Structures are given as C-alpha cells and as structure tokens.
Amino acid sequence: MELSRSETAELVRQATRRIVGDRIPVHTWLQDTTTFDGEDAIKIVVMFPGDELAGIDGGAFIDIMVSIRQVLAQSGDTRSPLVSFARLEDESELNSARYRASA
C-alpha cells in the first residue's frame, strides 16, 4: 500500500517534529522511485532552514530517519523510505534534480 503524498508529508513532518520540536520549521520533498533491486521506494528529503541546522546534532538525524521508517511502516506504507536532509534554501535544486539522470 502507498500513502498519498500529502499523508506521507504530514507523517514525515510529525515524526521529525517529535525529535527536533515545534520551534524549527520542517518542510518535505518527496519523489517516487525504486530501490536498486526494483522494489518501490520513496525519496524523502527533510528540509530545515540553514540557520537552524547547527542546532541539530547527528544523533537527532539518525533518530529522525528511524522515526520516519517506523511511522510509515505503522501506517501500512510498503515503500522503502530513502531519507536525506537538506537546507530549505536548496529546495530549487531539488526540484531541478527530478529531471536529471542519476550517475
């Protein structure tokens, strides 16, 4: 089963806010994809304002990834979440990356 983009985005934001709190704005970028072995996957980029990133430690990023995997699995989404992070200021690059081929 696949959740809708809006459902997925909201669950990702909730999972992220449980780790970093409500004071940091959280945005998401999603793209359907497949894993190297052809399984359905979803690229998830969690975006924060650049000036907020220094306040988030490495352990929090790991906790966010684990939390996202858990919440999507509990919601019945069977895609593999491929989670990464970016600065909100780099969102335009993410949008143009959709149309570039991977190396």
PDB file of N, CA and C in Angstrom:
ATOM      1  N   MET A   1       0.842  -1.181   0.000  1.00  0.00           N
ATOM      2  CA  MET A   1       0.000   0.000   0.000  1.00  0.00           C
ATOM      3  C   MET A   1       0.887   1.245   0.000  1.00  0.00           C
ATOM      4  N   GLU A   2       0.436   2.259  -0.714  1.00  0.00           N
ATOM      5  CA  GLU A   2       1.150   3.531  -0.723  1.00  0.00           C
ATOM      6  C   GLU A   2       0.243   4.617  -0.176  1.00  0.00           C
ATOM      7  N   LEU A   3       0.757   5.394   0.749  1.00  0.00           N
ATOM      8  CA  LEU A   3       0.026   6.555   1.237  1.00  0.00           C
ATOM      9  C   LEU A   3       0.086   7.648   0.177  1.00  0.00           C
ATOM     10  N   SER A   4      -0.851   8.586   0.232  1.00  0.00           N
ATOM     11  CA  SER A   4      -0.797   9.729  -0.680  1.00  0.00           C
ATOM     12  C   SER A   4       0.392  10.609  -0.308  1.00  0.00           C
ATOM     13  N   ARG A   5       0.783  11.478  -1.232  1.00  0.00           N
ATOM     14  CA  ARG A   5       1.901  12.391  -0.947  1.00  0.00           C
ATOM     15  C   ARG A   5       1.597  13.271   0.257  1.00  0.00           C
ATOM     16  N   SER A   6       0.367  13.772   0.347  1.00  0.00           N
ATOM     17  CA  SER A   6       0.040  14.658   1.469  1.00  0.00           C
ATOM     18  C   SER A   6       0.069  13.904   2.794  1.00  0.00           C
ATOM     19  N   GLU A   7      -0.427  12.666   2.808  1.00  0.00           N
ATOM     20  CA  GLU A   7      -0.371  11.857   4.031  1.00  0.00           C
ATOM     21  C   GLU A   7       1.080  11.563   4.412  1.00  0.00           C
ATOM     22  N   THR A   8       1.879  11.200   3.421  1.00  0.00           N
ATOM     23  CA  THR A   8       3.288  10.900   3.679  1.00  0.00           C
ATOM     24  C   THR A   8       4.002  12.126   4.217  1.00  0.00           C
ATOM     25  N   ALA A   9       3.798  13.273   3.573  1.00  0.00           N
ATOM     26  CA  ALA A   9       4.459  14.507   4.006  1.00  0.00           C
ATOM     27  C   ALA A   9       4.082  14.860   5.438  1.00  0.00           C
ATOM     28  N   GLU A  10       2.811  14.719   5.775  1.00  0.00           N
ATOM     29  CA  GLU A  10       2.375  15.054   7.132  1.00  0.00           C
ATOM     30  C   GLU A  10       2.986  14.096   8.156  1.00  0.00           C
ATOM     31  N   LEU A  11       3.025  12.807   7.859  1.00  0.00           N
ATOM     32  CA  LEU A  11       3.642  11.848   8.781  1.00  0.00           C
ATOM     33  C   LEU A  11       5.134  12.125   8.954  1.00  0.00           C
ATOM     34  N   VAL A  12       5.812  12.491   7.870  1.00  0.00           N
ATOM     35  CA  VAL A  12       7.241  12.818   7.947  1.00  0.00           C
ATOM     36  C   VAL A  12       7.449  14.044   8.829  1.00  0.00           C
ATOM     37  N   ARG A  13       6.627  15.074   8.635  1.00  0.00           N
ATOM     38  CA  ARG A  13       6.755  16.287   9.473  1.00  0.00           C
ATOM     39  C   ARG A  13       6.504  15.958  10.945  1.00  0.00           C
ATOM     40  N   GLN A  14       5.472  15.164  11.224  1.00  0.00           N
ATOM     41  CA  GLN A  14       5.173  14.797  12.609  1.00  0.00           C
ATOM     42  C   GLN A  14       6.319  14.007  13.230  1.00  0.00           C
ATOM     43  N   ALA A  15       6.842  13.040  12.493  1.00  0.00           N
ATOM     44  CA  ALA A  15       7.952  12.223  13.006  1.00  0.00           C
ATOM     45  C   ALA A  15       9.175  13.090  13.275  1.00  0.00           C
ATOM     46  N   THR A  16       9.428  14.041  12.397  1.00  0.00           N
ATOM     47  CA  THR A  16      10.583  14.928  12.557  1.00  0.00           C
ATOM     48  C   THR A  16      10.393  15.859  13.744  1.00  0.00           C
ATOM     49  N   ARG A  17       9.200  16.414  13.882  1.00  0.00           N
ATOM     50  CA  ARG A  17       8.938  17.339  14.996  1.00  0.00           C
ATOM     51  C   ARG A  17       9.028  16.646  16.355  1.00  0.00           C
ATOM     52  N   ARG A  18       8.726  15.353  16.388  1.00  0.00           N
ATOM     53  CA  ARG A  18       8.877  14.628  17.661  1.00  0.00           C
ATOM     54  C   ARG A  18      10.333  14.641  18.122  1.00  0.00           C
ATOM     55  N   ILE A  19      11.263  14.745  17.180  1.00  0.00           N
ATOM     56  CA  ILE A  19      12.687  14.736  17.518  1.00  0.00           C
ATOM     57  C   ILE A  19      13.222  16.149  17.738  1.00  0.00           C
ATOM     58  N   VAL A  20      12.907  17.072  16.834  1.00  0.00           N
ATOM     59  CA  VAL A  20      13.503  18.417  16.904  1.00  0.00           C
ATOM     60  C   VAL A  20      12.609  19.447  17.581  1.00  0.00           C
ATOM     61  N   GLY A  21      11.359  19.107  17.835  1.00  0.00           N
ATOM     62  CA  GLY A  21      10.444  20.051  18.459  1.00  0.00           C
ATOM     63  C   GLY A  21       9.710  20.902  17.429  1.00  0.00           C
ATOM     64  N   ASP A  22       8.801  21.729  17.934  1.00  0.00           N
ATOM     65  CA  ASP A  22       7.957  22.545  17.061  1.00  0.00           C
ATOM     66  C   ASP A  22       8.583  23.871  16.665  1.00  0.00           C
ATOM     67  N   ARG A  23       9.674  24.253  17.294  1.00  0.00           N
ATOM     68  CA  ARG A  23      10.239  25.585  17.044  1.00  0.00           C
ATOM     69  C   ARG A  23      10.975  25.689  15.711  1.00  0.00           C
ATOM     70  N   ILE A  24      11.391  24.564  15.145  1.00  0.00           N
ATOM     71  CA  ILE A  24      12.129  24.573  13.882  1.00  0.00           C
ATOM     72  C   ILE A  24      11.167  24.248  12.739  1.00  0.00           C
ATOM     73  N   PRO A  25      11.071  25.126  11.736  1.00  0.00           N
ATOM     74  CA  PRO A  25      10.219  24.816  10.581  1.00  0.00           C
ATOM     75  C   PRO A  25      10.737  23.574   9.848  1.00  0.00           C
ATOM     76  N   VAL A  26       9.822  22.712   9.464  1.00  0.00           N
ATOM     77  CA  VAL A  26      10.171  21.476   8.765  1.00  0.00           C
ATOM     78  C   VAL A  26       9.399  21.433   7.449  1.00  0.00           C
ATOM     79  N   HIS A  27      10.113  21.209   6.354  1.00  0.00           N
ATOM     80  CA  HIS A  27       9.494  21.052   5.041  1.00  0.00           C
ATOM     81  C   HIS A  27       9.929  19.702   4.481  1.00  0.00           C
ATOM     82  N   THR A  28       9.139  19.178   3.561  1.00  0.00           N
ATOM     83  CA  THR A  28       9.473  17.888   2.965  1.00  0.00           C
ATOM     84  C   THR A  28       9.445  17.968   1.446  1.00  0.00           C
ATOM     85  N   TRP A  29      10.246  17.135   0.830  1.00  0.00           N
ATOM     86  CA  TRP A  29      10.284  16.966  -0.629  1.00  0.00           C
ATOM     87  C   TRP A  29      10.214  15.472  -0.863  1.00  0.00           C
ATOM     88  N   LEU A  30       9.293  15.044  -1.707  1.00  0.00           N
ATOM     89  CA  LEU A  30       9.057  13.617  -1.934  1.00  0.00           C
ATOM     90  C   LEU A  30       9.152  13.284  -3.418  1.00  0.00           C
ATOM     91  N   GLN A  31       9.660  12.103  -3.706  1.00  0.00           N
ATOM     92  CA  GLN A  31       9.710  11.633  -5.092  1.00  0.00           C
ATOM     93  C   GLN A  31       9.625  10.113  -5.105  1.00  0.00           C
ATOM     94  N   ASP A  32       8.705   9.575  -5.901  1.00  0.00           N
ATOM     95  CA  ASP A  32       8.605   8.123  -6.055  1.00  0.00           C
ATOM     96  C   ASP A  32       9.821   7.616  -6.814  1.00  0.00           C
ATOM     97  N   THR A  33      10.309   6.455  -6.418  1.00  0.00           N
ATOM     98  CA  THR A  33      11.482   5.866  -7.058  1.00  0.00           C
ATOM     99  C   THR A  33      11.461   4.363  -6.808  1.00  0.00           C
ATOM    100  N   THR A  34      12.532   3.698  -7.137  1.00  0.00           N
ATOM    101  CA  THR A  34      12.685   2.276  -6.833  1.00  0.00           C
ATOM    102  C   THR A  34      14.064   2.050  -6.225  1.00  0.00           C
ATOM    103  N   THR A  35      14.199   0.946  -5.520  1.00  0.00           N
ATOM    104  CA  THR A  35      15.496   0.574  -4.964  1.00  0.00           C
ATOM    105  C   THR A  35      16.333  -0.071  -6.064  1.00  0.00           C
ATOM    106  N   PHE A  36      17.585  -0.375  -5.746  1.00  0.00           N
ATOM    107  CA  PHE A  36      18.474  -0.996  -6.737  1.00  0.00           C
ATOM    108  C   PHE A  36      17.947  -2.332  -7.243  1.00  0.00           C
ATOM    109  N   ASP A  37      17.115  -2.995  -6.435  1.00  0.00           N
ATOM    110  CA  ASP A  37      16.584  -4.291  -6.864  1.00  0.00           C
ATOM    111  C   ASP A  37      15.142  -4.207  -7.377  1.00  0.00           C
ATOM    112  N   GLY A  38      14.685  -2.990  -7.676  1.00  0.00           N
ATOM    113  CA  GLY A  38      13.383  -2.815  -8.306  1.00  0.00           C
ATOM    114  C   GLY A  38      12.189  -2.695  -7.385  1.00  0.00           C
ATOM    115  N   GLU A  39      12.409  -2.665  -6.084  1.00  0.00           N
ATOM    116  CA  GLU A  39      11.305  -2.515  -5.135  1.00  0.00           C
ATOM    117  C   GLU A  39      10.851  -1.056  -5.091  1.00  0.00           C
ATOM    118  N   ASP A  40       9.557  -0.843  -4.824  1.00  0.00           N
ATOM    119  CA  ASP A  40       9.033   0.514  -4.700  1.00  0.00           C
ATOM    120  C   ASP A  40       9.681   1.222  -3.521  1.00  0.00           C
ATOM    121  N   ALA A  41      10.016   2.477  -3.738  1.00  0.00           N
ATOM    122  CA  ALA A  41      10.641   3.287  -2.691  1.00  0.00           C
ATOM    123  C   ALA A  41      10.148   4.721  -2.834  1.00  0.00           C
ATOM    124  N   ILE A  42      10.439   5.522  -1.837  1.00  0.00           N
ATOM    125  CA  ILE A  42      10.130   6.943  -1.903  1.00  0.00           C
ATOM    126  C   ILE A  42      11.321   7.720  -1.361  1.00  0.00           C
ATOM    127  N   LYS A  43      11.802   8.661  -2.161  1.00  0.00           N
ATOM    128  CA  LYS A  43      12.857   9.562  -1.694  1.00  0.00           C
ATOM    129  C   LYS A  43      12.188  10.618  -0.838  1.00  0.00           C
ATOM    130  N   ILE A  44      12.715  10.790   0.345  1.00  0.00           N
ATOM    131  CA  ILE A  44      12.194  11.790   1.274  1.00  0.00           C
ATOM    132  C   ILE A  44      13.348  12.695   1.654  1.00  0.00           C
ATOM    133  N   VAL A  45      13.206  13.973   1.362  1.00  0.00           N
ATOM    134  CA  VAL A  45      14.205  14.940   1.797  1.00  0.00           C
ATOM    135  C   VAL A  45      13.531  15.820   2.841  1.00  0.00           C
ATOM    136  N   VAL A  46      14.072  15.802   4.050  1.00  0.00           N
ATOM    137  CA  VAL A  46      13.586  16.649   5.132  1.00  0.00           C
ATOM    138  C   VAL A  46      14.420  17.923   5.085  1.00  0.00           C
ATOM    139  N   MET A  47      13.736  19.067   4.991  1.00  0.00           N
ATOM    140  CA  MET A  47      14.442  20.340   4.841  1.00  0.00           C
ATOM    141  C   MET A  47      14.222  21.235   6.053  1.00  0.00           C
ATOM    142  N   PHE A  48      15.325  21.842   6.471  1.00  0.00           N
ATOM    143  CA  PHE A  48      15.314  22.794   7.575  1.00  0.00           C
ATOM    144  C   PHE A  48      15.930  24.104   7.094  1.00  0.00           C
ATOM    145  N   PRO A  49      15.546  25.235   7.698  1.00  0.00           N
ATOM    146  CA  PRO A  49      16.259  26.475   7.384  1.00  0.00           C
ATOM    147  C   PRO A  49      17.737  26.300   7.725  1.00  0.00           C
ATOM    148  N   GLY A  50      18.621  26.792   6.861  1.00  0.00           N
ATOM    149  CA  GLY A  50      20.062  26.612   7.045  1.00  0.00           C
ATOM    150  C   GLY A  50      20.575  27.090   8.380  1.00  0.00           C
ATOM    151  N   ASP A  51      20.010  28.190   8.893  1.00  0.00           N
ATOM    152  CA  ASP A  51      20.500  28.722  10.165  1.00  0.00           C
ATOM    153  C   ASP A  51      20.071  27.878  11.359  1.00  0.00           C
ATOM    154  N   GLU A  52      19.184  26.922  11.159  1.00  0.00           N
ATOM    155  CA  GLU A  52      18.740  26.034  12.241  1.00  0.00           C
ATOM    156  C   GLU A  52      19.540  24.728  12.290  1.00  0.00           C
ATOM    157  N   LEU A  53      20.235  24.395  11.211  1.00  0.00           N
ATOM    158  CA  LEU A  53      20.916  23.095  11.141  1.00  0.00           C
ATOM    159  C   LEU A  53      21.989  22.913  12.201  1.00  0.00           C
ATOM    160  N   ALA A  54      22.682  23.980  12.550  1.00  0.00           N
ATOM    161  CA  ALA A  54      23.752  23.866  13.551  1.00  0.00           C
ATOM    162  C   ALA A  54      23.214  23.412  14.906  1.00  0.00           C
ATOM    163  N   GLY A  55      21.947  23.665  15.162  1.00  0.00           N
ATOM    164  CA  GLY A  55      21.349  23.286  16.435  1.00  0.00           C
ATOM    165  C   GLY A  55      20.847  21.851  16.486  1.00  0.00           C
ATOM    166  N   ILE A  56      21.011  21.107  15.401  1.00  0.00           N
ATOM    167  CA  ILE A  56      20.547  19.718  15.345  1.00  0.00           C
ATOM    168  C   ILE A  56      21.770  18.813  15.296  1.00  0.00           C
ATOM    169  N   ASP A  57      21.914  17.938  16.284  1.00  0.00           N
ATOM    170  CA  ASP A  57      23.110  17.085  16.304  1.00  0.00           C
ATOM    171  C   ASP A  57      22.913  15.820  15.463  1.00  0.00           C
ATOM    172  N   GLY A  58      24.007  15.127  15.207  1.00  0.00           N
ATOM    173  CA  GLY A  58      23.990  13.939  14.356  1.00  0.00           C
ATOM    174  C   GLY A  58      23.057  12.852  14.844  1.00  0.00           C
ATOM    175  N   GLY A  59      22.987  12.685  16.159  1.00  0.00           N
ATOM    176  CA  GLY A  59      22.094  11.673  16.714  1.00  0.00           C
ATOM    177  C   GLY A  59      20.636  11.956  16.393  1.00  0.00           C
ATOM    178  N   ALA A  60      20.278  13.238  16.344  1.00  0.00           N
ATOM    179  CA  ALA A  60      18.899  13.605  16.016  1.00  0.00           C
ATOM    180  C   ALA A  60      18.560  13.216  14.580  1.00  0.00           C
ATOM    181  N   PHE A  61      19.529  13.369  13.667  1.00  0.00           N
ATOM    182  CA  PHE A  61      19.271  12.983  12.279  1.00  0.00           C
ATOM    183  C   PHE A  61      19.008  11.482  12.168  1.00  0.00           C
ATOM    184  N   ILE A  62      19.756  10.696  12.909  1.00  0.00           N
ATOM    185  CA  ILE A  62      19.535   9.242  12.913  1.00  0.00           C
ATOM    186  C   ILE A  62      18.170   8.930  13.505  1.00  0.00           C
ATOM    187  N   ASP A  63      17.839   9.590  14.615  1.00  0.00           N
ATOM    188  CA  ASP A  63      16.530   9.377  15.238  1.00  0.00           C
ATOM    189  C   ASP A  63      15.390   9.741  14.288  1.00  0.00           C
ATOM    190  N   ILE A  64      15.567  10.811  13.515  1.00  0.00           N
ATOM    191  CA  ILE A  64      14.540  11.216  12.547  1.00  0.00           C
ATOM    192  C   ILE A  64      14.352  10.125  11.496  1.00  0.00           C
ATOM    193  N   MET A  65      15.451   9.597  10.967  1.00  0.00           N
ATOM    194  CA  MET A  65      15.350   8.545   9.950  1.00  0.00           C
ATOM    195  C   MET A  65      14.622   7.315  10.491  1.00  0.00           C
ATOM    196  N   VAL A  66      14.971   6.910  11.702  1.00  0.00           N
ATOM    197  CA  VAL A  66      14.325   5.744  12.321  1.00  0.00           C
ATOM    198  C   VAL A  66      12.843   6.023  12.546  1.00  0.00           C
ATOM    199  N   SER A  67      12.528   7.210  13.049  1.00  0.00           N
ATOM    200  CA  SER A  67      11.145   7.581  13.322  1.00  0.00           C
ATOM    201  C   SER A  67      10.305   7.589  12.045  1.00  0.00           C
ATOM    202  N   ILE A  68      10.864   8.117  10.958  1.00  0.00           N
ATOM    203  CA  ILE A  68      10.140   8.143   9.682  1.00  0.00           C
ATOM    204  C   ILE A  68       9.871   6.721   9.203  1.00  0.00           C
ATOM    205  N   ARG A  69      10.869   5.852   9.259  1.00  0.00           N
ATOM    206  CA  ARG A  69      10.681   4.457   8.838  1.00  0.00           C
ATOM    207  C   ARG A  69       9.563   3.800   9.649  1.00  0.00           C
ATOM    208  N   GLN A  70       9.585   4.020  10.966  1.00  0.00           N
ATOM    209  CA  GLN A  70       8.595   3.390  11.838  1.00  0.00           C
ATOM    210  C   GLN A  70       7.183   3.895  11.557  1.00  0.00           C
ATOM    211  N   VAL A  71       7.024   5.211  11.454  1.00  0.00           N
ATOM    212  CA  VAL A  71       5.684   5.772  11.281  1.00  0.00           C
ATOM    213  C   VAL A  71       5.092   5.390   9.926  1.00  0.00           C
ATOM    214  N   LEU A  72       5.910   5.327   8.890  1.00  0.00           N
ATOM    215  CA  LEU A  72       5.387   4.917   7.583  1.00  0.00           C
ATOM    216  C   LEU A  72       5.014   3.434   7.587  1.00  0.00           C
ATOM    217  N   ALA A  73       5.840   2.605   8.202  1.00  0.00           N
ATOM    218  CA  ALA A  73       5.533   1.172   8.288  1.00  0.00           C
ATOM    219  C   ALA A  73       4.256   0.940   9.098  1.00  0.00           C
ATOM    220  N   GLN A  74       4.111   1.648  10.219  1.00  0.00           N
ATOM    221  CA  GLN A  74       2.914   1.502  11.053  1.00  0.00           C
ATOM    222  C   GLN A  74       1.657   1.958  10.324  1.00  0.00           C
ATOM    223  N   SER A  75       1.824   2.873   9.379  1.00  0.00           N
ATOM    224  CA  SER A  75       0.687   3.377   8.602  1.00  0.00           C
ATOM    225  C   SER A  75       0.358   2.480   7.420  1.00  0.00           C
ATOM    226  N   GLY A  76       1.151   1.430   7.220  1.00  0.00           N
ATOM    227  CA  GLY A  76       0.880   0.472   6.167  1.00  0.00           C
ATOM    228  C   GLY A  76       1.549   0.758   4.837  1.00  0.00           C
ATOM    229  N   ASP A  77       2.373   1.804   4.767  1.00  0.00           N
ATOM    230  CA  ASP A  77       3.075   2.110   3.518  1.00  0.00           C
ATOM    231  C   ASP A  77       4.189   1.086   3.336  1.00  0.00           C
ATOM    232  N   THR A  78       4.197   0.410   2.213  1.00  0.00           N
ATOM    233  CA  THR A  78       5.154  -0.672   1.985  1.00  0.00           C
ATOM    234  C   THR A  78       6.402  -0.235   1.225  1.00  0.00           C
ATOM    235  N   ARG A  79       6.474   1.041   0.832  1.00  0.00           N
ATOM    236  CA  ARG A  79       7.662   1.519   0.109  1.00  0.00           C
ATOM    237  C   ARG A  79       8.834   1.678   1.070  1.00  0.00           C
ATOM    238  N   SER A  80      10.029   1.522   0.542  1.00  0.00           N
ATOM    239  CA  SER A  80      11.237   1.763   1.332  1.00  0.00           C
ATOM    240  C   SER A  80      11.504   3.265   1.355  1.00  0.00           C
ATOM    241  N   PRO A  81      11.559   3.874   2.540  1.00  0.00           N
ATOM    242  CA  PRO A  81      11.861   5.303   2.600  1.00  0.00           C
ATOM    243  C   PRO A  81      13.368   5.545   2.498  1.00  0.00           C
ATOM    244  N   LEU A  82      13.769   6.353   1.539  1.00  0.00           N
ATOM    245  CA  LEU A  82      15.166   6.741   1.350  1.00  0.00           C
ATOM    246  C   LEU A  82      15.275   8.180   1.840  1.00  0.00           C
ATOM    247  N   VAL A  83      15.718   8.347   3.081  1.00  0.00           N
ATOM    248  CA  VAL A  83      15.659   9.644   3.760  1.00  0.00           C
ATOM    249  C   VAL A  83      16.992  10.368   3.677  1.00  0.00           C
ATOM    250  N   SER A  84      16.921  11.645   3.354  1.00  0.00           N
ATOM    251  CA  SER A  84      18.098  12.510   3.406  1.00  0.00           C
ATOM    252  C   SER A  84      17.660  13.882   3.903  1.00  0.00           C
ATOM    253  N   PHE A  85      18.619  14.771   4.048  1.00  0.00           N
ATOM    254  CA  PHE A  85      18.359  16.084   4.628  1.00  0.00           C
ATOM    255  C   PHE A  85      18.960  17.170   3.754  1.00  0.00           C
ATOM    256  N   ALA A  86      18.343  18.350   3.803  1.00  0.00           N
ATOM    257  CA  ALA A  86      18.849  19.480   3.019  1.00  0.00           C
ATOM    258  C   ALA A  86      18.448  20.784   3.701  1.00  0.00           C
ATOM    259  N   ARG A  87      19.090  21.839   3.240  1.00  0.00           N
ATOM    260  CA  ARG A  87      18.697  23.173   3.690  1.00  0.00           C
ATOM    261  C   ARG A  87      17.482  23.604   2.872  1.00  0.00           C
ATOM    262  N   LEU A  88      16.558  24.273   3.513  1.00  0.00           N
ATOM    263  CA  LEU A  88      15.372  24.778   2.835  1.00  0.00           C
ATOM    264  C   LEU A  88      15.767  25.680   1.665  1.00  0.00           C
ATOM    265  N   GLU A  89      16.870  26.384   1.824  1.00  0.00           N
ATOM    266  CA  GLU A  89      17.336  27.299   0.784  1.00  0.00           C
ATOM    267  C   GLU A  89      17.743  26.564  -0.498  1.00  0.00           C
ATOM    268  N   ASP A  90      17.944  25.260  -0.418  1.00  0.00           N
ATOM    269  CA  ASP A  90      18.365  24.469  -1.580  1.00  0.00           C
ATOM    270  C   ASP A  90      17.204  23.767  -2.285  1.00  0.00           C
ATOM    271  N   GLU A  91      15.978  24.103  -1.913  1.00  0.00           N
ATOM    272  CA  GLU A  91      14.818  23.409  -2.482  1.00  0.00           C
ATOM    273  C   GLU A  91      14.752  23.536  -4.007  1.00  0.00           C
ATOM    274  N   SER A  92      15.129  24.674  -4.554  1.00  0.00           N
ATOM    275  CA  SER A  92      15.058  24.831  -6.014  1.00  0.00           C
ATOM    276  C   SER A  92      15.969  23.824  -6.720  1.00  0.00           C
ATOM    277  N   GLU A  93      17.103  23.502  -6.106  1.00  0.00           N
ATOM    278  CA  GLU A  93      17.994  22.492  -6.689  1.00  0.00           C
ATOM    279  C   GLU A  93      17.358  21.107  -6.658  1.00  0.00           C
ATOM    280  N   LEU A  94      16.603  20.820  -5.608  1.00  0.00           N
ATOM    281  CA  LEU A  94      15.923  19.524  -5.531  1.00  0.00           C
ATOM    282  C   LEU A  94      14.897  19.404  -6.647  1.00  0.00           C
ATOM    283  N   ASN A  95      14.160  20.478  -6.883  1.00  0.00           N
ATOM    284  CA  ASN A  95      13.139  20.435  -7.930  1.00  0.00           C
ATOM    285  C   ASN A  95      13.758  20.210  -9.301  1.00  0.00           C
ATOM    286  N   SER A  96      14.900  20.817  -9.576  1.00  0.00           N
ATOM    287  CA  SER A  96      15.536  20.600 -10.877  1.00  0.00           C
ATOM    288  C   SER A  96      16.198  19.224 -10.942  1.00  0.00           C
ATOM    289  N   ALA A  97      16.564  18.653  -9.800  1.00  0.00           N
ATOM    290  CA  ALA A  97      17.212  17.335  -9.771  1.00  0.00           C
ATOM    291  C   ALA A  97      16.252  16.227 -10.193  1.00  0.00           C
ATOM    292  N   ARG A  98      14.953  16.455 -10.093  1.00  0.00           N
ATOM    293  CA  ARG A  98      13.969  15.455 -10.507  1.00  0.00           C
ATOM    294  C   ARG A  98      14.157  15.047 -11.958  1.00  0.00           C
ATOM    295  N   TYR A  99      14.646  15.969 -12.731  1.00  0.00           N
ATOM    296  CA  TYR A  99      14.723  15.735 -14.169  1.00  0.00           C
ATOM    297  C   TYR A  99      16.123  15.361 -14.631  1.00  0.00           C
ATOM    298  N   ARG A 100      17.050  15.225 -13.708  1.00  0.00           N
ATOM    299  CA  ARG A 100      18.412  14.812 -14.054  1.00  0.00           C
ATOM    300  C   ARG A 100      18.548  13.315 -13.853  1.00  0.00           C
ATOM    301  N   ALA A 101      19.305  12.686 -14.706  1.00  0.00           N
ATOM    302  CA  ALA A 101      19.554  11.245 -14.566  1.00  0.00           C
ATOM    303  C   ALA A 101      20.612  11.016 -13.498  1.00  0.00           C
ATOM    304  N   SER A 102      20.477   9.935 -12.783  1.00  0.00           N
ATOM    305  CA  SER A 102      21.479   9.565 -11.783  1.00  0.00           C
ATOM    306  C   SER A 102      22.718   9.041 -12.477  1.00  0.00           C
ATOM    307  N   ALA A 103      23.873   9.248 -11.840  1.00  0.00           N
ATOM    308  CA  ALA A 103      25.134   8.748 -12.414  1.00  0.00           C
ATOM    309  C   ALA A 103      25.309   7.295 -12.055  1.00  0.00           C
TER     310      ALA A 103
END
